[in-house]
Amino acid sequence: MSARILDGESFASRLHRETSVRVDKLKSRGITPGLVFIRVGEDPASRAYVSRKEKRAQEAGINSRTLVLPESTLLPALLGEIDTLNADPKVHGILIQSPLPASLPNDLVYARVSPAKDVDGFHPVNFGKLLLGDPTGFLPCTPAGILEILRLGEIPTSGKHAVVVGRGQIVGRPLALLLARKAPGTDCTVTLAHSRTADLPSLTRQADILIGALGRPLFLKKEHVKPGAIVVDVGVNRIPDQANPRGYRLVGDVDFESVKTVAGAITPNPGGVGPMTIALLLSNTVRAAEDLSR
């Protein structure tokens, strides 16, 4: 048996087309959605991620730009830049690219972005709305993208046991909350596990839907997966590869080659969750422009 591939690139293209239609409607009213990325430092991965997001934004008709600050930027200076963007009516979405330098506290930086422009869904107000089931908040892009993969992939979720491996603030915890909601496309029984969960394979083998989001390369293997389960791989990890001109290659948290022989459906990596994260970011940006222009 070989698993059905849940093609994030194909699903994302569908969402991009819908986003472009919404952009055109805004432009007919004289409004161009604006998105600003803030990148602090020259982390190579961050540079690549922002470049990819900016390219997609421009393709959708969103006016995007990147504010690049030096690694030595102090907290007051960064917060001042965020304040300026919060006050700019042409800017509808602000994204702080992670990772930030260790000297900059993530919680203070994310909380400085206006909740109305927090298209990444990291502000405490938006996270609180997620917890309360308030639809007026912005959902974090990666968890929301995973829900879209399940929806567009026509994966049944109601009453299914979803096991999320990884308890991080960006993916694991918000995704567990979303999957447990009483709503179409969710309504799961959810277990939130992590790398220190006792006898993890016995737990993950109970999952109808298994999500790897713990940031460990190729951690989830064939023995972790129940035959026929749906497997979603969130991880982005570098491992050495001397055969690659860059000296490394990117892999997920799931050992794709072994797991695809037992899973019912699986996201590739790359080409699975990543494109959907960008698609939801752009959709959130357009929604912010729609909301702020009312």
Protein backbone atom coordinates (compact mmCIF):
# COMPACT_ATOMS: atom_id res chain seq x y z
CA MET A 1 0.00 0.00 0.00
CA SER A 2 1.17 3.52 -0.73
CA ALA A 3 -0.50 6.52 0.86
CA ARG A 4 -2.50 9.10 -1.04
CA ILE A 5 -0.51 12.33 -1.26
CA LEU A 6 -2.18 15.42 0.20
CA ASP A 7 -0.69 17.93 -2.22
CA GLY A 8 -0.33 21.23 -0.40
CA GLU A 9 0.87 23.02 -3.53
CA SER A 10 -2.32 22.11 -5.39
CA PHE A 11 -4.56 23.02 -2.45
CA ALA A 12 -2.70 26.32 -1.97
CA SER A 13 -3.19 27.23 -5.63
CA ARG A 14 -6.94 26.92 -5.13
CA LEU A 15 -6.83 29.25 -2.15
CA HIS A 16 -4.55 31.72 -3.97
CA ARG A 17 -7.12 32.00 -6.77
CA GLU A 18 -9.84 32.78 -4.23
CA THR A 19 -7.58 35.35 -2.54
CA SER A 20 -6.81 37.04 -5.88
CA VAL A 21 -10.54 37.47 -6.55
CA ARG A 22 -10.96 39.16 -3.16
CA VAL A 23 -7.95 41.41 -3.87
CA ASP A 24 -9.50 42.49 -7.17
CA LYS A 25 -12.74 43.43 -5.39
CA LEU A 26 -10.82 45.57 -2.92
CA LYS A 27 -8.84 47.24 -5.70
CA SER A 28 -12.09 48.12 -7.48
CA ARG A 29 -12.81 50.22 -4.37
CA GLY A 30 -9.37 51.83 -4.47
CA ILE A 31 -7.91 49.63 -1.70
CA THR A 32 -4.72 47.61 -2.18
CA PRO A 33 -3.99 45.17 0.66
CA GLY A 34 -0.61 45.91 2.21
CA LEU A 35 1.62 43.40 3.99
CA VAL A 36 4.94 44.15 5.70
CA PHE A 37 7.41 41.49 6.82
CA ILE A 38 9.86 42.41 9.56
CA ARG A 39 13.08 40.40 9.51
CA VAL A 40 15.77 40.98 12.14
CA GLY A 41 19.17 39.66 11.14
CA GLU A 42 20.38 37.59 8.20
CA ASP A 43 19.34 34.06 9.12
CA PRO A 44 19.49 32.21 5.76
CA ALA A 45 16.30 30.24 6.36
CA SER A 46 14.40 33.39 7.34
CA ARG A 47 15.62 35.15 4.22
CA ALA A 48 14.37 32.28 2.05
CA TYR A 49 11.00 32.06 3.82
CA VAL A 50 10.32 35.79 3.57
CA SER A 51 11.34 35.86 -0.09
CA ARG A 52 8.90 33.04 -0.85
CA LYS A 53 6.06 34.72 1.05
CA GLU A 54 6.72 38.07 -0.58
CA LYS A 55 6.70 36.51 -4.05
CA ARG A 56 3.36 34.82 -3.42
CA ALA A 57 1.90 38.03 -2.02
CA GLN A 58 2.88 39.99 -5.11
CA GLU A 59 1.42 37.30 -7.36
CA ALA A 60 -1.91 37.69 -5.54
CA GLY A 61 -1.84 41.46 -6.04
CA ILE A 62 -0.93 42.30 -2.44
CA ASN A 63 1.48 45.19 -1.93
CA SER A 64 4.23 43.57 0.14
CA ARG A 65 7.64 44.66 1.34
CA THR A 66 10.25 43.54 3.83
CA LEU A 67 11.72 45.71 6.57
CA VAL A 68 15.18 44.32 7.34
CA LEU A 69 16.78 45.30 10.63
CA PRO A 70 20.29 44.42 11.82
CA GLU A 71 20.91 41.59 14.27
CA SER A 72 21.99 44.18 16.84
CA THR A 73 18.59 45.93 16.86
CA LEU A 74 17.45 46.75 20.39
CA LEU A 75 13.92 46.13 21.63
CA PRO A 76 12.82 49.82 21.78
CA ALA A 77 13.87 50.35 18.17
CA LEU A 78 11.98 47.28 16.96
CA LEU A 79 8.87 48.23 18.93
CA GLY A 80 9.07 51.71 17.43
CA GLU A 81 9.09 50.29 13.91
CA ILE A 82 6.04 48.17 14.75
CA ASP A 83 4.24 51.23 16.14
CA THR A 84 4.88 53.08 12.88
CA LEU A 85 3.39 50.23 10.85
CA ASN A 86 0.42 49.92 13.21
CA ALA A 87 -0.39 53.57 12.48
CA ASP A 88 0.06 53.33 8.70
CA PRO A 89 -3.37 53.00 6.99
CA LYS A 90 -1.77 51.46 3.90
CA VAL A 91 -0.44 48.55 5.97
CA HIS A 92 -3.10 45.93 6.71
CA GLY A 93 -0.91 43.04 7.83
CA ILE A 94 2.33 42.81 9.80
CA LEU A 95 4.39 39.62 10.11
CA ILE A 96 7.36 39.24 12.45
CA GLN A 97 9.58 36.61 10.87
CA SER A 98 10.91 34.08 13.36
CA PRO A 99 13.35 33.29 14.74
CA LEU A 100 14.17 36.61 16.36
CA PRO A 101 17.62 37.15 17.88
CA ALA A 102 17.86 35.77 21.42
CA SER A 103 18.06 39.31 22.83
CA LEU A 104 14.53 40.10 21.65
CA PRO A 105 11.65 38.59 23.69
CA ASN A 106 9.11 37.04 21.35
CA ASP A 107 6.13 37.67 23.63
CA LEU A 108 6.72 41.43 23.86
CA VAL A 109 7.36 41.77 20.14
CA TYR A 110 4.31 39.79 18.99
CA ALA A 111 2.10 41.59 21.50
CA ARG A 112 3.12 44.99 20.08
CA VAL A 113 1.52 44.27 16.69
CA SER A 114 -2.04 45.58 16.48
CA PRO A 115 -4.46 42.61 16.80
CA ALA A 116 -6.25 43.97 13.72
CA LYS A 117 -3.02 43.63 11.71
CA ASP A 118 -1.73 40.44 13.35
CA VAL A 119 -2.20 38.26 10.27
CA ASP A 120 0.04 35.55 11.77
CA GLY A 121 -2.41 35.08 14.66
CA PHE A 122 0.20 35.31 17.44
CA HIS A 123 -1.13 38.28 19.42
CA PRO A 124 -2.54 37.35 22.86
CA VAL A 125 -5.91 38.83 21.85
CA ASN A 126 -6.15 36.61 18.78
CA PHE A 127 -4.91 33.57 20.69
CA GLY A 128 -7.54 34.28 23.35
CA LYS A 129 -10.24 34.50 20.70
CA LEU A 130 -9.11 31.14 19.34
CA LEU A 131 -9.44 29.66 22.82
CA LEU A 132 -12.93 31.14 23.23
CA GLY A 133 -14.06 30.13 19.75
CA ASP A 134 -14.52 33.78 18.71
CA PRO A 135 -14.40 33.87 14.88
CA THR A 136 -13.42 37.55 14.76
CA GLY A 137 -9.78 36.76 15.57
CA PHE A 138 -7.07 35.70 13.15
CA LEU A 139 -6.11 32.04 13.33
CA PRO A 140 -2.40 31.08 13.27
CA CYS A 141 -1.54 30.35 9.67
CA THR A 142 0.00 26.88 9.97
CA PRO A 143 -2.77 25.32 12.11
CA ALA A 144 -5.41 26.96 9.90
CA GLY A 145 -3.58 25.65 6.83
CA ILE A 146 -3.64 22.13 8.23
CA LEU A 147 -7.42 22.35 8.69
CA GLU A 148 -7.67 23.43 5.06
CA ILE A 149 -5.60 20.43 3.97
CA LEU A 150 -8.01 18.14 5.80
CA ARG A 151 -11.00 19.96 4.26
CA LEU A 152 -9.73 20.08 0.69
CA GLY A 153 -8.39 16.54 0.98
CA GLU A 154 -11.91 15.44 2.03
CA ILE A 155 -10.61 13.83 5.22
CA PRO A 156 -13.39 12.92 7.70
CA THR A 157 -12.71 14.49 11.08
CA SER A 158 -15.86 14.30 13.21
CA GLY A 159 -15.34 11.85 16.07
CA LYS A 160 -11.86 10.89 14.87
CA HIS A 161 -8.91 10.62 17.25
CA ALA A 162 -6.29 13.21 16.37
CA VAL A 163 -2.88 12.99 18.00
CA VAL A 164 -0.75 16.14 17.78
CA VAL A 165 2.91 15.45 18.57
CA GLY A 166 4.44 18.75 19.61
CA ARG A 167 3.21 21.29 22.17
CA GLY A 168 4.67 24.50 20.76
CA GLN A 169 2.83 27.81 20.85
CA ILE A 170 2.95 28.31 17.08
CA VAL A 171 1.51 24.97 15.93
CA GLY A 172 0.91 22.23 18.50
CA ARG A 173 -1.22 23.93 21.13
CA PRO A 174 -3.39 26.05 18.80
CA LEU A 175 -3.90 23.12 16.44
CA ALA A 176 -5.08 20.89 19.29
CA LEU A 177 -7.63 23.55 20.25
CA LEU A 178 -8.84 23.94 16.68
CA LEU A 179 -9.22 20.23 16.05
CA ALA A 180 -11.31 19.87 19.22
CA ARG A 181 -13.78 22.62 18.25
CA LYS A 182 -17.41 21.70 17.70
CA ALA A 183 -17.51 22.75 14.06
CA PRO A 184 -17.49 21.30 10.54
CA GLY A 185 -14.04 20.06 9.57
CA THR A 186 -12.94 19.52 13.18
CA ASP A 187 -14.92 17.89 16.04
CA CYS A 188 -12.05 15.52 16.85
CA THR A 189 -11.08 13.81 20.07
CA VAL A 190 -7.60 15.26 20.59
CA THR A 191 -4.48 14.06 22.38
CA LEU A 192 -1.59 16.52 22.69
CA ALA A 193 1.67 14.58 23.00
CA HIS A 194 5.36 15.45 22.78
CA SER A 195 8.82 13.92 22.63
CA ARG A 196 8.77 13.05 26.36
CA THR A 197 5.40 11.33 26.30
CA ALA A 198 5.80 7.87 27.82
CA ASP A 199 5.54 5.04 25.27
CA LEU A 200 4.74 7.48 22.47
CA PRO A 201 4.37 4.84 19.70
CA SER A 202 1.54 3.10 21.55
CA LEU A 203 -0.29 6.42 21.67
CA THR A 204 0.36 7.57 18.12
CA ARG A 205 -0.76 4.17 16.78
CA GLN A 206 -4.23 5.02 18.11
CA ALA A 207 -4.44 8.12 15.92
CA ASP A 208 -6.82 8.36 12.98
CA ILE A 209 -5.11 11.69 12.24
CA LEU A 210 -1.46 12.07 13.26
CA ILE A 211 0.31 15.44 13.14
CA GLY A 212 4.08 15.74 13.56
CA ALA A 213 4.98 19.20 14.88
CA LEU A 214 7.83 18.76 17.32
CA GLY A 215 10.85 19.91 15.29
CA ARG A 216 12.83 16.66 15.25
CA PRO A 217 14.01 15.36 11.89
CA LEU A 218 12.42 12.09 10.73
CA PHE A 219 11.22 11.40 14.28
CA LEU A 220 7.89 9.74 13.47
CA LYS A 221 8.46 6.42 11.75
CA LYS A 222 6.43 3.52 10.45
CA GLU A 223 6.06 2.01 13.92
CA HIS A 224 4.33 5.19 15.14
CA VAL A 225 1.51 4.98 12.59
CA LYS A 226 -1.72 3.02 12.55
CA PRO A 227 -2.39 1.48 9.11
CA GLY A 228 -4.62 3.79 7.10
CA ALA A 229 -4.05 6.84 9.33
CA ILE A 230 -3.86 10.39 7.95
CA VAL A 231 -0.39 11.83 8.57
CA VAL A 232 0.43 15.55 8.44
CA ASP A 233 4.09 16.59 8.63
CA VAL A 234 4.71 20.13 9.92
CA GLY A 235 8.43 19.98 10.64
CA VAL A 236 11.18 21.80 8.75
CA ASN A 237 14.61 20.50 9.76
CA ARG A 238 18.09 20.66 8.28
CA ILE A 239 20.19 17.52 8.20
CA PRO A 240 23.71 17.18 6.75
CA ASP A 241 23.87 15.93 3.17
CA GLN A 242 27.26 16.02 1.48
CA ALA A 243 25.67 15.04 -1.83
CA ASN A 244 23.74 18.32 -1.83
CA PRO A 245 25.64 21.40 -3.06
CA ARG A 246 24.41 23.29 0.02
CA GLY A 247 25.80 20.60 2.33
CA TYR A 248 22.39 19.91 3.84
CA ARG A 249 18.82 19.04 2.93
CA LEU A 250 15.46 19.82 4.47
CA VAL A 251 13.34 17.06 5.96
CA GLY A 252 10.20 16.93 8.06
CA ASP A 253 9.36 15.38 11.40
CA VAL A 254 7.96 12.33 9.60
CA ASP A 255 10.07 9.63 7.94
CA PHE A 256 8.10 9.95 4.72
CA GLU A 257 9.54 6.95 2.87
CA SER A 258 8.66 4.45 5.60
CA VAL A 259 5.41 6.05 6.76
CA LYS A 260 3.89 6.30 3.29
CA THR A 261 3.81 2.50 3.13
CA VAL A 262 1.30 2.29 6.01
CA ALA A 263 -0.55 5.62 6.06
CA GLY A 264 -3.82 6.15 4.22
CA ALA A 265 -2.86 9.69 3.23
CA ILE A 266 0.19 11.85 3.93
CA THR A 267 1.48 15.36 3.27
CA PRO A 268 4.80 15.57 1.42
CA ASN A 269 7.58 17.67 2.84
CA PRO A 270 8.34 20.02 1.17
CA GLY A 271 5.13 20.69 -0.71
CA GLY A 272 2.61 19.96 2.02
CA VAL A 273 1.98 22.25 4.99
CA GLY A 274 4.40 25.02 3.94
CA PRO A 275 2.46 26.25 0.88
CA MET A 276 -0.77 26.19 2.87
CA THR A 277 0.76 28.34 5.62
CA ILE A 278 1.56 31.01 3.03
CA ALA A 279 -1.91 30.71 1.49
CA LEU A 280 -3.57 31.34 4.87
CA LEU A 281 -1.23 34.26 5.57
CA LEU A 282 -2.35 35.97 2.37
CA SER A 283 -5.99 35.17 3.03
CA ASN A 284 -5.66 36.70 6.52
CA THR A 285 -4.04 39.81 5.03
CA VAL A 286 -6.91 40.33 2.62
CA ARG A 287 -9.39 39.80 5.43
CA ALA A 288 -7.56 42.43 7.49
CA ALA A 289 -7.86 44.86 4.58
CA GLU A 290 -11.56 44.03 4.23
CA ASP A 291 -12.15 44.54 7.96
CA LEU A 292 -10.14 47.76 8.24
CA SER A 293 -11.84 49.28 5.18
CA ARG A 294 -15.38 48.80 6.45
